Protein backbone atom coordinates (compact mmCIF):
# COMPACT_ATOMS: atom_id res chain seq x y z
CA MET A 1 -5.78 159.75 90.12
CA GLN A 2 -4.29 157.05 87.79
CA VAL A 3 -5.30 158.94 84.82
CA ASP A 4 -3.57 162.23 86.10
CA PHE A 5 -0.43 160.34 87.06
CA ALA A 6 -0.15 158.71 83.65
CA LEU A 7 -0.53 162.13 81.76
CA THR A 8 2.07 163.62 84.11
CA TYR A 9 4.35 160.83 83.48
CA VAL A 10 4.06 161.10 79.80
CA ARG A 11 4.74 164.95 79.76
CA ALA A 12 7.88 164.39 81.86
CA CYS A 13 9.08 161.67 79.46
CA ALA A 14 8.75 164.09 76.55
CA GLU A 15 10.54 166.89 78.20
CA ARG A 16 13.49 164.81 79.12
CA ASN A 17 13.80 163.02 75.87
CA SER A 18 15.87 160.55 77.79
CA TYR A 19 13.97 157.56 77.05
CA ASN A 20 14.46 155.30 74.06
CA MET A 21 11.77 154.24 71.66
CA GLY A 22 11.33 150.80 73.30
CA ARG A 23 10.76 152.38 76.64
CA GLN A 24 8.46 155.08 75.12
CA LYS A 25 6.33 152.31 73.44
CA LEU A 26 6.38 150.43 76.84
CA PHE A 27 5.08 153.40 78.72
CA LYS A 28 2.42 154.13 76.04
CA THR A 29 1.22 150.59 76.34
CA ALA A 30 1.14 150.88 80.24
CA ILE A 31 -0.81 154.29 80.01
CA LEU A 32 -3.20 152.79 77.52
CA PHE A 33 -4.10 149.86 79.79
CA ASN A 34 -4.48 152.03 82.69
CA LEU A 35 -6.85 154.31 80.90
CA LEU A 36 -8.91 151.34 79.73
CA GLY A 37 -9.11 149.99 83.35
CA VAL A 38 -10.27 153.27 84.64
CA MET A 39 -12.95 153.57 81.99
CA ALA A 40 -13.94 149.97 82.68
CA LEU A 41 -14.40 150.74 86.26
CA PHE A 42 -16.31 153.81 85.67
CA ILE A 43 -18.63 152.04 83.13
CA THR A 44 -19.17 149.01 85.43
CA GLY A 45 -19.97 151.15 88.46
CA CYS A 46 -22.64 153.32 86.27
CA GLY A 47 -24.10 150.17 84.58
CA GLY A 48 -24.61 148.12 87.69
CA GLY A 49 -26.47 150.97 89.34
CA SER A 50 -28.98 151.38 86.41
CA SER A 51 -29.54 147.58 86.21
CA ALA A 52 -30.33 147.26 89.95
CA ASN A 53 -32.76 150.26 89.61
CA ALA A 54 -34.62 148.65 86.82
CA ASN A 55 -34.88 145.43 88.62
CA VAL A 56 -36.33 147.27 91.67
CA ASN A 57 -38.82 149.21 89.48
CA LYS A 58 -39.90 145.97 87.65
CA THR A 59 -40.47 144.24 90.89
CA GLU A 60 -42.57 147.18 92.07
CA ALA A 61 -44.52 147.52 88.85
CA ALA A 62 -45.53 143.92 88.73
CA ILE A 63 -47.59 144.14 91.90
CA VAL A 64 -51.17 145.64 91.24
CA ASP A 65 -53.18 147.14 93.97
CA VAL A 66 -56.84 145.64 93.63
CA THR A 67 -60.07 145.47 95.50
CA THR A 68 -62.08 142.19 95.61
CA ALA A 69 -65.39 140.70 96.12
CA GLN A 70 -66.78 137.11 96.38
CA ALA A 71 -68.94 135.51 93.88
CA VAL A 72 -72.16 134.69 95.44
CA VAL A 73 -75.24 132.55 94.65
CA LYS A 74 -78.66 134.37 94.56
CA PRO A 75 -81.89 133.38 93.38
CA ILE A 76 -82.84 135.43 90.14
CA PRO A 77 -86.02 135.14 87.92
CA THR A 78 -85.74 132.57 85.13
CA TYR A 79 -86.63 133.83 81.78
CA PHE A 80 -86.41 133.07 78.16
CA GLU A 81 -85.14 135.37 75.35
CA ALA A 82 -87.07 136.54 72.26
CA THR A 83 -86.73 139.37 69.82
CA GLY A 84 -89.16 141.98 68.69
CA ASN A 85 -89.59 145.71 67.69
CA LEU A 86 -90.80 148.76 69.49
CA ALA A 87 -93.80 150.72 68.14
CA SER A 88 -95.54 153.82 69.42
CA ASP A 89 -98.60 153.30 71.75
CA ALA A 90 -100.60 155.68 69.40
CA GLN A 91 -99.82 157.45 66.13
CA THR A 92 -102.02 159.76 64.09
CA ASP A 93 -101.77 161.79 61.05
CA VAL A 94 -103.08 165.36 61.38
CA ALA A 95 -105.07 166.78 58.53
CA PRO A 96 -107.11 170.08 58.18
CA ALA A 97 -110.88 170.01 58.19
CA VAL A 98 -111.18 172.96 55.92
CA GLY A 99 -109.12 174.19 52.80
CA GLY A 100 -107.21 177.45 52.88
CA LYS A 101 -103.87 179.22 52.77
CA ILE A 102 -101.41 178.42 55.66
CA ALA A 103 -100.72 181.67 57.70
CA GLN A 104 -98.77 180.21 60.67
CA VAL A 105 -96.93 176.98 61.61
CA ASN A 106 -95.97 176.26 65.19
CA PHE A 107 -94.24 172.99 65.01
CA ASP A 108 -91.37 171.21 63.52
CA VAL A 109 -89.95 167.72 63.20
CA GLY A 110 -88.88 166.49 66.64
CA SER A 111 -91.15 168.99 68.55
CA TYR A 112 -93.09 167.89 71.52
CA VAL A 113 -96.78 168.89 71.47
CA ARG A 114 -99.42 168.50 73.88
CA LYS A 115 -103.06 167.63 73.08
CA GLY A 116 -104.83 170.95 72.28
CA ASP A 117 -101.78 172.84 71.26
CA VAL A 118 -102.14 175.02 68.11
CA LEU A 119 -100.12 173.31 65.30
CA LEU A 120 -101.20 175.55 62.42
CA ARG A 121 -103.43 178.43 61.51
CA LEU A 122 -105.14 179.05 58.10
CA ASP A 123 -106.09 182.35 56.72
CA ALA A 124 -109.54 182.80 58.36
CA ARG A 125 -110.92 185.81 56.51
CA ASP A 126 -113.13 184.01 54.05
CA ALA A 127 -114.51 181.84 56.94
CA GLN A 128 -115.27 184.84 58.93
CA ILE A 129 -117.13 186.56 56.02
CA ARG A 130 -119.34 183.36 55.58
CA LEU A 131 -120.02 183.33 59.28
CA ASP A 132 -121.06 186.90 59.32
CA GLN A 133 -123.46 186.28 56.36
CA ALA A 134 -124.96 183.20 58.08
CA GLN A 135 -125.60 185.31 61.22
CA ALA A 136 -127.26 188.07 59.17
CA GLN A 137 -129.55 185.42 57.59
CA VAL A 138 -130.55 184.27 61.02
CA GLU A 139 -131.59 187.85 62.05
CA GLN A 140 -133.57 188.17 58.80
CA GLN A 141 -135.40 184.78 59.42
CA LYS A 142 -136.21 185.83 63.02
CA LYS A 143 -137.95 188.96 61.69
CA ALA A 144 -140.04 186.82 59.41
CA VAL A 145 -141.08 184.61 62.27
CA ASP A 146 -142.29 187.83 64.19
CA GLN A 147 -144.40 188.90 61.18
CA ALA A 148 -145.93 185.46 60.73
CA ILE A 149 -146.78 185.23 64.41
CA ALA A 150 -148.49 188.77 64.24
CA ASN A 151 -150.61 187.62 61.23
CA LEU A 152 -151.69 184.33 63.32
CA ARG A 153 -152.71 186.61 66.25
CA GLN A 154 -154.89 188.82 63.85
CA THR A 155 -156.61 185.80 62.55
CA GLN A 156 -157.23 184.38 66.05
CA VAL A 157 -158.72 187.68 67.21
CA ARG A 158 -161.18 187.82 64.15
CA LEU A 159 -162.32 184.29 65.22
CA GLY A 160 -162.42 184.95 68.85
CA LEU A 161 -159.69 182.43 69.79
CA LYS A 162 -157.05 182.80 72.29
CA ASP A 163 -153.46 181.72 71.82
CA GLY A 164 -153.31 177.94 72.18
CA GLU A 165 -156.96 177.32 71.73
CA THR A 166 -158.16 174.61 69.20
CA PHE A 167 -160.69 175.93 66.65
CA ASP A 168 -163.82 173.74 66.29
CA ILE A 169 -166.29 174.48 63.34
CA GLU A 170 -169.19 173.70 65.68
CA THR A 171 -168.29 176.18 68.14
CA PHE A 172 -167.91 179.07 65.45
CA SER A 173 -170.21 181.73 66.35
CA GLN A 174 -172.21 181.84 63.15
CA VAL A 175 -172.78 178.19 63.11
CA LYS A 176 -173.88 178.20 66.77
CA SER A 177 -176.35 181.08 66.00
CA VAL A 178 -177.78 179.30 63.11
CA LYS A 179 -178.02 176.07 64.90
CA ALA A 180 -179.90 177.67 67.64
CA GLN A 181 -182.48 179.17 65.13
CA LEU A 182 -182.68 175.78 63.35
CA VAL A 183 -183.54 174.10 66.69
CA LEU A 184 -186.52 176.68 67.27
CA ALA A 185 -187.73 176.33 63.65
CA GLU A 186 -187.88 172.56 63.89
CA LYS A 187 -190.05 172.83 67.03
CA GLU A 188 -192.39 175.40 65.40
CA LEU A 189 -192.64 173.14 62.46
CA ALA A 190 -193.47 170.12 64.51
CA ARG A 191 -196.33 172.07 66.41
CA THR A 192 -197.66 173.47 63.17
CA GLU A 193 -197.68 169.92 61.72
CA LYS A 194 -199.89 168.68 64.75
CA LEU A 195 -202.17 171.70 64.24
CA LEU A 196 -202.51 171.03 60.57
CA ALA A 197 -203.57 167.40 61.42
CA SER A 198 -206.29 168.58 63.77
CA GLY A 199 -207.36 171.36 61.20
CA ASP A 200 -206.35 174.17 63.59
CA VAL A 201 -204.03 175.81 61.02
CA SER A 202 -204.04 176.28 57.56
CA ARG A 203 -201.77 174.45 55.13
CA SER A 204 -200.08 177.79 53.96
CA ALA A 205 -199.01 178.38 57.56
CA TYR A 206 -197.43 174.94 57.72
CA ASP A 207 -195.74 175.63 54.49
CA GLN A 208 -194.30 178.79 55.88
CA ARG A 209 -192.83 177.20 58.76
CA ARG A 210 -191.40 174.43 56.83
CA ALA A 211 -189.73 176.86 54.41
CA ALA A 212 -188.23 178.85 57.31
CA ARG A 213 -186.69 175.58 58.70
CA ASP A 214 -185.25 174.76 55.15
CA GLN A 215 -183.77 178.26 54.88
CA LEU A 216 -182.05 177.75 58.22
CA LEU A 217 -180.49 174.48 57.05
CA GLY A 218 -178.96 176.38 54.06
CA GLN A 219 -177.62 179.07 56.41
CA LEU A 220 -176.09 176.35 58.62
CA ASP A 221 -174.26 174.87 55.70
CA GLU A 222 -173.09 178.34 54.67
CA ALA A 223 -171.97 179.20 58.25
CA ARG A 224 -170.05 175.82 58.47
CA SER A 225 -168.34 176.67 55.05
CA ASN A 226 -167.29 180.13 56.52
CA ALA A 227 -165.92 178.33 59.65
CA ALA A 228 -163.99 175.99 57.41
CA VAL A 229 -162.46 179.05 55.61
CA ALA A 230 -161.51 180.61 59.02
CA VAL A 231 -159.93 177.23 59.78
CA ARG A 232 -157.92 177.26 56.72
CA ALA A 233 -156.93 180.77 57.41
CA ILE A 234 -155.68 179.92 60.93
CA ASN A 235 -153.90 176.78 59.59
CA THR A 236 -152.27 179.01 56.93
CA ALA A 237 -151.15 181.46 59.51
CA GLN A 238 -149.86 178.73 61.78
CA ALA A 239 -148.02 177.15 58.90
CA ALA A 240 -146.42 180.36 58.04
CA VAL A 241 -145.17 180.59 61.74
CA ASN A 242 -143.80 177.07 61.41
CA SER A 243 -142.18 177.65 58.16
CA ALA A 244 -140.43 180.76 59.41
CA ARG A 245 -139.19 179.12 62.61
CA ALA A 246 -137.89 176.19 60.49
CA ALA A 247 -136.04 178.79 58.31
CA VAL A 248 -134.57 180.24 61.58
CA ARG A 249 -133.36 176.67 62.45
CA THR A 250 -131.83 176.28 59.08
CA ALA A 251 -130.12 179.59 59.19
CA GLU A 252 -128.81 178.76 62.70
CA THR A 253 -127.41 175.41 61.43
CA GLN A 254 -125.56 177.41 58.74
CA VAL A 255 -124.16 179.68 61.26
CA ASP A 256 -122.95 176.62 63.33
CA GLN A 257 -121.42 175.29 60.11
CA ALA A 258 -119.74 178.70 59.30
CA ARG A 259 -118.57 179.09 62.93
CA LYS A 260 -117.06 175.45 62.76
CA ALA A 261 -115.38 176.35 59.64
CA ALA A 262 -113.93 179.39 61.16
CA THR A 263 -112.83 177.45 64.14
CA ASP A 264 -111.39 174.75 61.78
CA THR A 265 -108.92 177.24 60.44
CA VAL A 266 -106.86 176.57 63.62
CA VAL A 267 -105.40 172.98 63.53
CA ILE A 268 -104.73 171.61 67.06
CA ALA A 269 -102.89 168.50 68.21
CA PRO A 270 -105.23 165.76 68.69
CA ILE A 271 -102.81 163.85 71.14
CA SER A 272 -99.67 164.60 73.12
CA GLY A 273 -96.48 163.19 71.52
CA TYR A 274 -93.61 164.05 69.28
CA VAL A 275 -93.83 165.19 65.64
CA SER A 276 -92.24 162.69 63.42
CA GLU A 277 -93.21 164.23 60.13
CA ARG A 278 -94.07 167.72 58.93
CA VAL A 279 -95.77 168.44 55.66
CA ALA A 280 -96.77 172.23 55.81
CA ASP A 281 -95.22 175.53 55.02
CA VAL A 282 -96.43 179.15 55.38
CA GLY A 283 -98.25 180.49 52.24
CA GLU A 284 -98.96 176.90 50.91
CA PHE A 285 -102.69 176.20 50.03
CA ILE A 286 -104.05 172.98 51.51
CA SER A 287 -107.38 171.28 51.05
CA PRO A 288 -108.94 168.30 52.88
CA ASN A 289 -110.20 166.95 49.56
CA THR A 290 -106.83 166.39 48.04
CA PRO A 291 -105.15 162.90 48.60
CA ASN A 292 -102.61 162.74 51.55
CA SER A 293 -103.60 165.89 52.86
CA LYS A 294 -101.90 165.62 56.21
CA ILE A 295 -99.71 168.31 57.55
CA ALA A 296 -98.12 166.28 60.45
CA THR A 297 -97.64 162.99 61.91
CA ILE A 298 -97.65 162.80 65.78
CA VAL A 299 -96.46 159.71 67.67
CA ARG A 300 -97.05 159.15 71.51
CA THR A 301 -93.90 157.62 72.99
CA SER A 302 -94.47 157.93 76.81
CA VAL A 303 -95.61 154.39 76.65
CA LEU A 304 -94.42 152.07 73.82
CA ARG A 305 -95.73 148.78 72.62
CA MET A 306 -93.13 145.96 72.18
CA LYS A 307 -94.03 143.53 69.60
CA ILE A 308 -92.37 140.25 70.51
CA ASP A 309 -92.18 137.20 68.11
CA VAL A 310 -92.43 134.16 70.61
CA PRO A 311 -91.24 130.93 69.08
CA GLU A 312 -93.98 128.17 68.83
CA ALA A 313 -92.24 125.96 71.41
CA SER A 314 -92.21 128.77 74.09
CA ILE A 315 -95.99 129.75 73.56
CA GLY A 316 -96.85 127.97 76.89
CA LYS A 317 -94.33 130.13 78.88
CA VAL A 318 -96.10 133.41 77.99
CA ALA A 319 -99.29 134.80 79.74
CA THR A 320 -100.78 138.43 80.07
CA GLY A 321 -99.45 140.10 83.12
CA GLN A 322 -95.88 138.68 82.90
CA GLY A 323 -93.04 141.06 83.30
CA ILE A 324 -90.41 141.41 80.58
CA SER A 325 -86.91 143.14 80.44
CA LEU A 326 -85.69 144.33 77.17
CA GLN A 327 -82.36 145.71 76.06
CA THR A 328 -81.39 147.67 72.80
CA SER A 329 -78.03 148.06 71.04
CA ALA A 330 -78.27 151.85 71.92
CA TYR A 331 -78.30 151.17 75.61
CA PRO A 332 -76.41 147.74 76.14
CA ASP A 333 -75.92 148.13 79.83
CA ARG A 334 -79.47 149.17 80.79
CA ASN A 335 -82.72 147.25 81.03
CA PHE A 336 -86.16 148.50 80.39
CA ALA A 337 -88.99 146.92 82.27
CA GLY A 338 -92.52 146.15 80.59
CA THR A 339 -95.54 143.99 81.02
CA VAL A 340 -97.31 141.70 78.61
CA VAL A 341 -100.67 142.95 77.82
CA ARG A 342 -101.89 141.32 74.61
CA MET A 343 -101.42 138.06 72.79
CA SER A 344 -102.28 136.98 69.29
CA PRO A 345 -104.76 134.12 69.03
CA SER A 346 -102.82 132.55 66.27
CA VAL A 347 -99.32 131.38 65.18
CA ASN A 348 -97.81 132.76 61.91
CA ALA A 349 -97.67 129.63 59.58
CA THR A 350 -94.42 130.87 57.98
CA SER A 351 -92.26 131.90 60.82
CA ARG A 352 -93.94 129.58 63.32
CA THR A 353 -93.94 132.44 65.91
CA MET A 354 -96.82 134.07 67.72
CA THR A 355 -96.96 137.88 68.26
CA VAL A 356 -97.18 139.12 71.66
CA GLU A 357 -97.54 142.73 72.81
CA ALA A 358 -96.09 144.35 75.79
CA GLU A 359 -96.36 147.84 77.23
CA VAL A 360 -93.09 149.53 78.18
CA GLU A 361 -92.69 152.71 80.27
CA ASN A 362 -90.63 155.34 78.34
CA SER A 363 -91.10 158.52 80.50
CA GLU A 364 -87.46 159.44 79.75
CA GLY A 365 -87.95 159.10 76.06
CA LEU A 366 -84.83 157.01 75.55
CA LEU A 367 -86.60 154.33 73.52
CA LYS A 368 -87.74 155.17 69.98
CA PRO A 369 -90.37 153.48 67.84
CA GLY A 370 -88.83 151.15 65.34
CA GLN A 371 -85.91 149.96 67.42
CA PHE A 372 -85.01 146.30 67.51
CA ALA A 373 -84.78 144.82 70.98
CA THR A 374 -83.81 141.57 72.76
CA VAL A 375 -86.53 140.66 75.29
CA ARG A 376 -86.41 138.47 78.23
CA ILE A 377 -89.73 137.19 79.52
CA THR A 378 -89.71 136.44 83.25
CA GLN A 379 -90.97 133.03 84.40
CA SER A 380 -92.71 132.45 87.78
CA LYS A 381 -90.06 130.19 89.31
CA PRO A 382 -86.52 131.58 90.17
CA GLU A 383 -83.41 129.81 89.95
CA PRO A 384 -80.05 130.07 91.81
CA ALA A 385 -77.29 132.04 89.98
CA VAL A 386 -73.71 132.83 90.51
CA MET A 387 -73.52 136.74 90.71
CA ILE A 388 -70.54 139.03 90.64
CA PRO A 389 -70.20 142.86 90.62
CA VAL A 390 -70.34 144.45 87.19
CA SER A 391 -67.09 146.34 87.89
CA ALA A 392 -65.21 142.87 87.90
CA VAL A 393 -65.96 142.31 84.20
CA LYS A 394 -63.34 143.55 81.70
CA THR A 395 -64.70 143.70 78.28
CA ASP A 396 -62.75 143.47 74.87
CA GLY A 397 -65.29 143.52 72.00
CA ASP A 398 -67.42 140.45 72.45
CA ILE A 399 -65.06 138.81 74.93
CA ASN A 400 -65.69 139.19 78.83
CA ARG A 401 -63.07 138.32 81.24
CA VAL A 402 -62.66 138.37 85.01
CA TYR A 403 -59.76 137.75 87.31
CA VAL A 404 -59.95 135.24 90.17
CA ILE A 405 -57.37 136.04 92.94
CA LYS A 406 -55.67 133.24 94.11
CA ASP A 407 -52.34 132.83 96.11
CA GLY A 408 -51.45 136.48 95.55
CA ALA A 409 -51.84 136.36 91.74
CA ALA A 410 -54.69 137.18 89.21
CA ARG A 411 -55.98 134.25 87.15
CA GLU A 412 -57.78 135.27 83.95
CA ARG A 413 -61.11 133.65 83.27
CA LEU A 414 -63.21 133.95 80.04
CA VAL A 415 -67.00 134.17 81.34
CA GLN A 416 -70.39 133.95 79.83
CA LEU A 417 -72.66 136.50 81.42
CA GLY A 418 -76.39 136.68 81.89
CA LEU A 419 -79.01 138.74 83.75
CA LEU A 420 -77.94 142.15 84.98
CA GLU A 421 -79.56 143.49 88.03
CA ASN A 422 -78.50 146.91 89.18
CA ASP A 423 -74.65 146.53 89.78
CA ILE A 424 -74.33 142.92 89.85
CA ILE A 425 -74.37 140.52 86.90
CA GLN A 426 -75.03 136.72 86.40
CA VAL A 427 -72.03 134.48 85.48
CA LYS A 428 -73.39 131.56 83.52
CA GLN A 429 -69.99 129.94 83.22
CA GLY A 430 -66.34 130.63 84.22
CA VAL A 431 -66.61 131.39 88.01
CA ALA A 432 -67.76 129.28 90.91
CA GLU A 433 -69.45 130.43 94.13
CA GLY A 434 -67.07 131.78 96.81
CA GLU A 435 -64.16 132.55 94.49
CA THR A 436 -62.59 135.92 94.98
CA ILE A 437 -62.90 138.22 92.09
CA ALA A 438 -61.07 141.43 91.42
CA THR A 439 -63.41 144.39 91.26
CA GLY A 440 -61.03 147.37 91.16
CA ASN A 441 -58.11 148.24 88.93
CA VAL A 442 -59.17 145.48 86.63
CA GLY A 443 -57.92 147.24 83.54
CA SER A 444 -54.33 146.82 84.91
CA LEU A 445 -54.61 143.20 85.33
CA ASN A 446 -53.36 140.26 83.15
CA ASP A 447 -53.15 136.61 83.53
CA GLY A 448 -50.54 135.70 86.21
CA ALA A 449 -50.11 139.43 87.53
CA LEU A 450 -49.18 139.77 91.22
CA VAL A 451 -51.63 141.60 93.19
CA ARG A 452 -51.97 143.26 96.60
CA VAL A 453 -55.58 143.31 97.95
CA GLN A 454 -56.47 146.60 99.48
C-alpha cells in the first residue's frame, strides 16, 4: 500500500506542476526511502523463513535412527596363523595307449569329466583290421589242432591204446608174444639139457632147442625196437597236438592284443575332475612313443590339499586330526574348514618351517588349486573373546570402525578384528564387554552423530 500511495502521489505532483524543484526532490527522497523500507521488509520476511526451515532441517538430519546390540564375551577356539597353498587332491596327465589320427574330441579346458567318460576317439579302422586278422589266425590254428588230434587217434588205434592211456614197451603186443614164446623155449632148453646129461637125448636135439631160444631172444629185441618206434610215433603225434594248441593260445593272445588296441582307440577319463589343459585337435596324429604325448590334464578338486608352512616355534602346536580354518583373498568374508592329515617328518633348513598337509572339502568348487591362503590352526583350549555382530563393522580399505552408542551419540572406535563365526566377529581391541554397538544404518554414522535407537 505504501508503494501504491507513493506512485499515486508522484503522478499527482507531475500533473499539477505546482511544486518547486526543492519540494520535488524532497518528495522523491521520501518515496525512495519508502520503497527501500518496503523491500527491506519483504526481504527480511522471506529470509527469516528460509533460515528457520534450514535450522529445522539441520536439526532433523543430525539425528540418525539406528539398531544396536551389546558386545558379549564368548569362549572361542584358540588358534595360530600360518600361510600355505592349495593343491589338487589328485592330478593326472591323460595320454593315448596307441597311436592314430584323432577322429573326435569330447572335452575342453574347464570341462568337468567323470571317471569313464569318453574324452577322445582315434580312427579305429586299422586296429579293427588287425583284430580281424588275428581272429582269422585263431580259427586256422584251431583247425590245425583238430588235424593233429585226429593223427594221434589213428596212432593210438594202431597200437591198441585208448585215449589217456600210457604206452609201455613191455606191454606192446608183439613184445608180449615173443616173451611168452621165449619163456617156453627156455623151459624146453632146460629139460633138454637135463636129458642130454643123462644120455636120453642127442646133442643135436639140444642144439636145436638152444638155437630156437636164441632166435626168440633176437625176435624180442626186434619187437622192443618196433615198440620204441611206436612210442616215438605217439610222442610225435602228441607233440603235434601240443604244438597246435600252443599256436592257438599264441593266436588268441594276439587277438587279445589286437582287441585291446582297438579298445584303446577310445581314450577315457581315469578320474573325475576338471580339465585344466587340452592338447588335442581333430585330425592330428598322436603317438604314445613321442615325448609329452599327453592329450589333457585332469585335476580333482572336490577335496583339496592345503600345504601349510608351520614355523619351527609352532611345531608343537600341530597334530594330525586338528581342525583348520582358511581364508583366501577371493573370499575374504568366508571361512573354509579342513583337517590336518599329514605332517612332514623334517624341518626345512632354509626357511625353518615344517610342511603340514590338510584336506579341505571343496564340494562347491569355489577354491582353486594354486591359491594362496591364510590358515588358522585350532588349538584344543578355548579362550574368552569379545564378540559383536558383523553388521556393526564399517570398513574403509584396511581400517575397521564401529560406533559405540553412549548418551544418545555415536562414538567412533577403530577396532582390530579376529575370528569370524557365522554372523559375529571377534574384536581383539577397541570394544569392551557390555558396550552398546550400532548395528544398523552404520554407513550414515560419524563420530559424535546424534542417534535415536529403534
